[in-house]
Structures are given as C-alpha cells and as structure tokens.
Amino acid sequence: MICSKCGSDRVNVQSEQISSKTKKRGTGCLWRIVRCILIICTCGLWLLIGRRKGTEKTKIESRTVAICQNCGNRWEV
C-alpha cells in the first residue's frame, strides 16, 4: 500500500473503534409475579436466592484506517 500524499510505502493499517452502544433488558413482569408468589409460599425463604439480572448486548462499530509513517496522512481503507 502506498500513501497518496507523499508516495511512501511505510503504511500502517489498523482497526479503530467508532462507537459502541449497549442495550440492556431487565427481567419481565411475569418473572416478578412468580417470584412474589414463591416468596409468599415459602414464607420468605425464596429471598435468600439472589435476584436474576437482566441481559446486556453491546454492538461495536469499527473501521479500518491506514496511517502513513512518514507524513501522518490517514485514510479509510
């Protein structure tokens, strides 16, 4: 790969992160109702069991960028 600005062949190609988004989903209302019923039926022993956590999903956007080592010119590959 050759730099379009200075013509050098000393080019470094790397991936850089543009953005990341996290979506978080909690537990549903049906789970809360069932948990309350279990707490009542077991006289509170169900409280000793930890709460169920929701799920998280992260989406990461990245792009590939070339950087000239001589002049510092950057361009997207």
Protein backbone atom coordinates (compact mmCIF):
# COMPACT_ATOMS: atom_id res chain seq x y z
CA MET A 1 0.00 0.00 0.00
CA ILE A 2 1.32 3.43 -0.93
CA CYS A 3 0.49 6.82 0.62
CA SER A 4 -1.35 9.09 -1.79
CA LYS A 5 0.13 12.24 -0.22
CA CYS A 6 3.89 11.52 -0.08
CA GLY A 7 4.25 8.26 -2.05
CA SER A 8 5.86 6.32 0.82
CA ASP A 9 5.29 2.60 1.24
CA ARG A 10 5.65 2.73 5.06
CA VAL A 11 1.92 2.48 5.82
CA ASN A 12 0.42 1.00 8.97
CA VAL A 13 -3.11 -0.46 8.75
CA GLN A 14 -5.19 -0.74 11.92
CA SER A 15 -8.76 -1.06 13.09
CA GLU A 16 -10.26 1.70 15.22
CA GLN A 17 -13.49 1.76 17.18
CA ILE A 18 -16.04 4.34 16.07
CA SER A 19 -18.81 3.81 18.60
CA SER A 20 -20.39 1.28 20.90
CA LYS A 21 -23.98 1.00 22.07
CA THR A 22 -25.26 -1.14 24.93
CA LYS A 23 -28.83 -2.34 25.12
CA LYS A 24 -30.00 -3.53 28.50
CA ARG A 25 -33.06 -5.66 29.07
CA GLY A 26 -34.40 -6.26 32.55
CA THR A 27 -36.47 -9.14 33.81
CA GLY A 28 -40.10 -9.29 32.73
CA CYS A 29 -43.19 -8.67 34.81
CA LEU A 30 -44.13 -12.37 34.72
CA TRP A 31 -40.88 -13.25 36.50
CA ARG A 32 -41.61 -10.63 39.19
CA ILE A 33 -45.10 -12.06 39.77
CA VAL A 34 -43.80 -15.63 40.02
CA ARG A 35 -41.04 -14.52 42.39
CA CYS A 36 -43.54 -12.77 44.67
CA ILE A 37 -45.72 -15.89 44.74
CA LEU A 38 -42.71 -18.06 45.62
CA ILE A 39 -41.74 -15.66 48.42
CA ILE A 40 -45.23 -15.90 49.91
CA CYS A 41 -45.46 -19.71 49.53
CA THR A 42 -42.04 -20.36 51.12
CA CYS A 43 -42.54 -17.85 53.97
CA GLY A 44 -39.71 -15.67 52.75
CA LEU A 45 -37.08 -18.36 52.15
CA TRP A 46 -37.05 -17.51 48.45
CA LEU A 47 -35.50 -14.15 49.39
CA LEU A 48 -32.25 -15.99 50.18
CA ILE A 49 -31.85 -16.73 46.47
CA GLY A 50 -30.34 -13.82 44.58
CA ARG A 51 -32.22 -11.80 42.04
CA ARG A 52 -31.99 -12.66 38.38
CA LYS A 53 -30.17 -9.98 36.43
CA GLY A 54 -31.16 -8.75 33.01
CA THR A 55 -29.15 -9.21 29.84
CA GLU A 56 -26.87 -6.75 28.09
CA LYS A 57 -25.93 -6.70 24.44
CA THR A 58 -23.15 -4.46 23.14
CA LYS A 59 -22.82 -3.50 19.49
CA ILE A 60 -19.41 -2.15 18.45
CA GLU A 61 -18.81 -0.31 15.17
CA SER A 62 -15.26 -0.20 13.84
CA ARG A 63 -13.45 0.81 10.67
CA THR A 64 -10.08 0.07 9.10
CA VAL A 65 -7.71 3.03 8.77
CA ALA A 66 -4.31 3.30 7.07
CA ILE A 67 -1.73 5.70 8.52
CA CYS A 68 1.42 6.80 6.71
CA GLN A 69 4.51 6.56 8.98
CA ASN A 70 6.34 9.38 7.15
CA CYS A 71 3.80 12.19 6.82
CA GLY A 72 0.99 11.06 9.16
CA ASN A 73 -1.69 11.07 6.46
CA ARG A 74 -4.77 8.98 7.42
CA TRP A 75 -7.36 7.46 5.14
CA GLU A 76 -10.06 4.84 5.41
CA VAL A 77 -9.36 1.53 3.68
